[in-house]
């Protein structure tokens, strides 16, 4: 899968089932490209519990960025880690610093292989 924002393409991992979404980046030391979470449209909350690297968390609604949280620090095993909220149908995590040139309203293309095969 790939994600395109501002004419830049990112290799993406696509998480769509509950187990994958709940685990996300827990326990991982690296993220190449990005991680896309397929969510139902609504208000969502993410946190960095047991995450090992800082991330940018981007909320996407109808293929547009609706909210950006930059440089979210790992929370380790804190009992009450900070929460990052937004509205969208997808949430995308990038290594921290990737979203520095993104802004609310930017178009997000998500493709299973090519731009001719979009994610719905």
C-alpha atoms as a PDB file:
ATOM      1  CA  UNK A   1       0.000   0.000   0.000  1.00  0.00           C
ATOM      2  CA  UNK A   2       1.081   3.591  -0.486  1.00  0.00           C
ATOM      3  CA  UNK A   3       0.009   7.023   0.716  1.00  0.00           C
ATOM      4  CA  UNK A   4       0.557  10.224  -1.272  1.00  0.00           C
ATOM      5  CA  UNK A   5       0.509  13.646   0.411  1.00  0.00           C
ATOM      6  CA  UNK A   6       1.800  16.810  -1.299  1.00  0.00           C
ATOM      7  CA  UNK A   7       3.125  14.760  -4.244  1.00  0.00           C
ATOM      8  CA  UNK A   8       5.300  12.626  -1.944  1.00  0.00           C
ATOM      9  CA  UNK A   9       4.699   8.894  -1.787  1.00  0.00           C
ATOM     10  CA  UNK A  10       5.089   6.856   1.420  1.00  0.00           C
ATOM     11  CA  UNK A  11       5.121   3.074   1.741  1.00  0.00           C
ATOM     12  CA  UNK A  12       2.321   2.166   4.142  1.00  0.00           C
ATOM     13  CA  UNK A  13       1.269  -0.654   6.417  1.00  0.00           C
ATOM     14  CA  UNK A  14      -2.549  -0.945   6.389  1.00  0.00           C
ATOM     15  CA  UNK A  15      -4.267  -1.988   9.613  1.00  0.00           C
ATOM     16  CA  UNK A  16      -7.963  -2.762   9.396  1.00  0.00           C
ATOM     17  CA  UNK A  17      -8.860  -5.327  12.048  1.00  0.00           C
ATOM     18  CA  UNK A  18      -9.336  -4.602  15.747  1.00  0.00           C
ATOM     19  CA  UNK A  19      -6.267  -6.561  16.945  1.00  0.00           C
ATOM     20  CA  UNK A  20      -3.918  -4.816  14.499  1.00  0.00           C
ATOM     21  CA  UNK A  21      -5.368  -1.394  15.308  1.00  0.00           C
ATOM     22  CA  UNK A  22      -5.065  -1.927  19.075  1.00  0.00           C
ATOM     23  CA  UNK A  23      -1.420  -3.028  18.774  1.00  0.00           C
ATOM     24  CA  UNK A  24      -0.304  -0.384  16.258  1.00  0.00           C
ATOM     25  CA  UNK A  25       3.283   0.681  17.005  1.00  0.00           C
ATOM     26  CA  UNK A  26       3.488  -0.972  20.449  1.00  0.00           C
ATOM     27  CA  UNK A  27       6.923  -2.426  21.057  1.00  0.00           C
ATOM     28  CA  UNK A  28       8.364  -1.405  17.681  1.00  0.00           C
ATOM     29  CA  UNK A  29      11.616   0.505  17.293  1.00  0.00           C
ATOM     30  CA  UNK A  30      11.201   1.600  13.658  1.00  0.00           C
ATOM     31  CA  UNK A  31       8.572   2.651  11.147  1.00  0.00           C
ATOM     32  CA  UNK A  32       9.417   2.765   7.448  1.00  0.00           C
ATOM     33  CA  UNK A  33       7.001   5.066   5.642  1.00  0.00           C
ATOM     34  CA  UNK A  34       3.753   5.121   7.614  1.00  0.00           C
ATOM     35  CA  UNK A  35       1.055   3.073   9.298  1.00  0.00           C
ATOM     36  CA  UNK A  36      -2.574   3.575   8.183  1.00  0.00           C
ATOM     37  CA  UNK A  37      -5.424   2.731  10.566  1.00  0.00           C
ATOM     38  CA  UNK A  38      -8.810   2.154   8.914  1.00  0.00           C
ATOM     39  CA  UNK A  39     -11.381   3.595  11.321  1.00  0.00           C
ATOM     40  CA  UNK A  40     -15.102   4.201  11.082  1.00  0.00           C
ATOM     41  CA  UNK A  41     -15.889   7.881  10.602  1.00  0.00           C
ATOM     42  CA  UNK A  42     -15.922   9.555  13.989  1.00  0.00           C
ATOM     43  CA  UNK A  43     -13.963  11.051  16.863  1.00  0.00           C
ATOM     44  CA  UNK A  44     -10.909   8.895  17.692  1.00  0.00           C
ATOM     45  CA  UNK A  45      -8.295   8.941  20.429  1.00  0.00           C
ATOM     46  CA  UNK A  46      -4.769   7.531  20.120  1.00  0.00           C
ATOM     47  CA  UNK A  47      -2.062   7.245  22.753  1.00  0.00           C
ATOM     48  CA  UNK A  48       1.573   6.194  22.727  1.00  0.00           C
ATOM     49  CA  UNK A  49       1.531   3.519  25.452  1.00  0.00           C
ATOM     50  CA  UNK A  50       4.370   1.025  24.949  1.00  0.00           C
ATOM     51  CA  UNK A  51       5.486   2.902  21.845  1.00  0.00           C
ATOM     52  CA  UNK A  52       9.260   3.267  21.479  1.00  0.00           C
ATOM     53  CA  UNK A  53       9.662   6.106  18.951  1.00  0.00           C
ATOM     54  CA  UNK A  54       8.145   9.606  18.553  1.00  0.00           C
ATOM     55  CA  UNK A  55       5.440   9.846  15.889  1.00  0.00           C
ATOM     56  CA  UNK A  56       3.370  12.347  13.944  1.00  0.00           C
ATOM     57  CA  UNK A  57      -0.321  11.358  14.113  1.00  0.00           C
ATOM     58  CA  UNK A  58      -2.477  12.561  11.211  1.00  0.00           C
ATOM     59  CA  UNK A  59      -6.282  12.286  11.211  1.00  0.00           C
ATOM     60  CA  UNK A  60      -7.862  11.988   7.753  1.00  0.00           C
ATOM     61  CA  UNK A  61     -11.513  12.585   6.881  1.00  0.00           C
ATOM     62  CA  UNK A  62     -12.748  11.940   3.326  1.00  0.00           C
ATOM     63  CA  UNK A  63      -9.190  11.985   1.939  1.00  0.00           C
ATOM     64  CA  UNK A  64      -8.283  15.335   3.555  1.00  0.00           C
ATOM     65  CA  UNK A  65      -6.148  15.966   6.625  1.00  0.00           C
ATOM     66  CA  UNK A  66      -8.483  17.041   9.427  1.00  0.00           C
ATOM     67  CA  UNK A  67      -6.004  17.258  12.333  1.00  0.00           C
ATOM     68  CA  UNK A  68      -2.255  16.831  12.930  1.00  0.00           C
ATOM     69  CA  UNK A  69      -0.403  16.012  16.157  1.00  0.00           C
ATOM     70  CA  UNK A  70       3.338  16.481  15.611  1.00  0.00           C
ATOM     71  CA  UNK A  71       6.220  14.881  17.503  1.00  0.00           C
ATOM     72  CA  UNK A  72       4.119  12.782  19.880  1.00  0.00           C
ATOM     73  CA  UNK A  73       6.596  11.449  22.418  1.00  0.00           C
ATOM     74  CA  UNK A  74       6.608   7.759  23.373  1.00  0.00           C
ATOM     75  CA  UNK A  75       4.844   7.121  26.666  1.00  0.00           C
ATOM     76  CA  UNK A  76       6.599   3.867  27.503  1.00  0.00           C
ATOM     77  CA  UNK A  77       4.527   2.059  30.087  1.00  0.00           C
ATOM     78  CA  UNK A  78       3.062   5.157  31.802  1.00  0.00           C
ATOM     79  CA  UNK A  79      -0.320   4.418  33.336  1.00  0.00           C
ATOM     80  CA  UNK A  80      -1.923   7.611  31.984  1.00  0.00           C
ATOM     81  CA  UNK A  81      -0.195   8.579  28.720  1.00  0.00           C
ATOM     82  CA  UNK A  82      -1.202  11.743  26.809  1.00  0.00           C
ATOM     83  CA  UNK A  83      -4.138  11.324  24.415  1.00  0.00           C
ATOM     84  CA  UNK A  84      -4.172  12.557  20.806  1.00  0.00           C
ATOM     85  CA  UNK A  85      -7.644  13.111  19.371  1.00  0.00           C
ATOM     86  CA  UNK A  86      -9.225  14.002  16.059  1.00  0.00           C
ATOM     87  CA  UNK A  87     -12.075  13.283  13.672  1.00  0.00           C
ATOM     88  CA  UNK A  88     -11.648  11.080  10.651  1.00  0.00           C
ATOM     89  CA  UNK A  89     -12.158   7.799   8.850  1.00  0.00           C
ATOM     90  CA  UNK A  90      -8.423   6.974   8.788  1.00  0.00           C
ATOM     91  CA  UNK A  91      -5.517   7.804  11.077  1.00  0.00           C
ATOM     92  CA  UNK A  92      -1.946   7.727   9.774  1.00  0.00           C
ATOM     93  CA  UNK A  93       1.182   7.508  11.927  1.00  0.00           C
ATOM     94  CA  UNK A  94       4.517   8.699  10.542  1.00  0.00           C
ATOM     95  CA  UNK A  95       7.981   8.900  12.116  1.00  0.00           C
ATOM     96  CA  UNK A  96       8.203  12.256  13.938  1.00  0.00           C
ATOM     97  CA  UNK A  97       9.102  15.147  11.650  1.00  0.00           C
ATOM     98  CA  UNK A  98       7.466  13.690   8.537  1.00  0.00           C
ATOM     99  CA  UNK A  99       4.333  15.849   8.897  1.00  0.00           C
ATOM    100  CA  UNK A 100       6.228  19.145   9.294  1.00  0.00           C
ATOM    101  CA  UNK A 101       5.142  20.206   5.780  1.00  0.00           C
ATOM    102  CA  UNK A 102       1.569  18.889   6.060  1.00  0.00           C
ATOM    103  CA  UNK A 103      -1.378  21.148   6.844  1.00  0.00           C
ATOM    104  CA  UNK A 104      -5.061  20.677   7.593  1.00  0.00           C
ATOM    105  CA  UNK A 105      -6.936  20.349   4.296  1.00  0.00           C
ATOM    106  CA  UNK A 106      -4.104  18.663   2.368  1.00  0.00           C
ATOM    107  CA  UNK A 107      -5.345  15.877   0.076  1.00  0.00           C
ATOM    108  CA  UNK A 108      -4.393  12.312   1.056  1.00  0.00           C
ATOM    109  CA  UNK A 109      -4.293   9.588  -1.573  1.00  0.00           C
ATOM    110  CA  UNK A 110      -4.317   6.002  -0.275  1.00  0.00           C
ATOM    111  CA  UNK A 111      -3.653   3.251  -2.802  1.00  0.00           C
ATOM    112  CA  UNK A 112      -3.464  -0.520  -2.522  1.00  0.00           C
ATOM    113  CA  UNK A 113      -0.885  -0.656  -5.299  1.00  0.00           C
ATOM    114  CA  UNK A 114      -1.271   2.184  -7.770  1.00  0.00           C
ATOM    115  CA  UNK A 115      -3.303   5.408  -8.030  1.00  0.00           C
ATOM    116  CA  UNK A 116      -5.722   3.412 -10.212  1.00  0.00           C
ATOM    117  CA  UNK A 117      -6.565   1.232  -7.169  1.00  0.00           C
ATOM    118  CA  UNK A 118      -7.643   3.598  -4.338  1.00  0.00           C
ATOM    119  CA  UNK A 119      -8.569   2.524  -0.828  1.00  0.00           C
ATOM    120  CA  UNK A 120     -12.236   3.095  -0.076  1.00  0.00           C
END
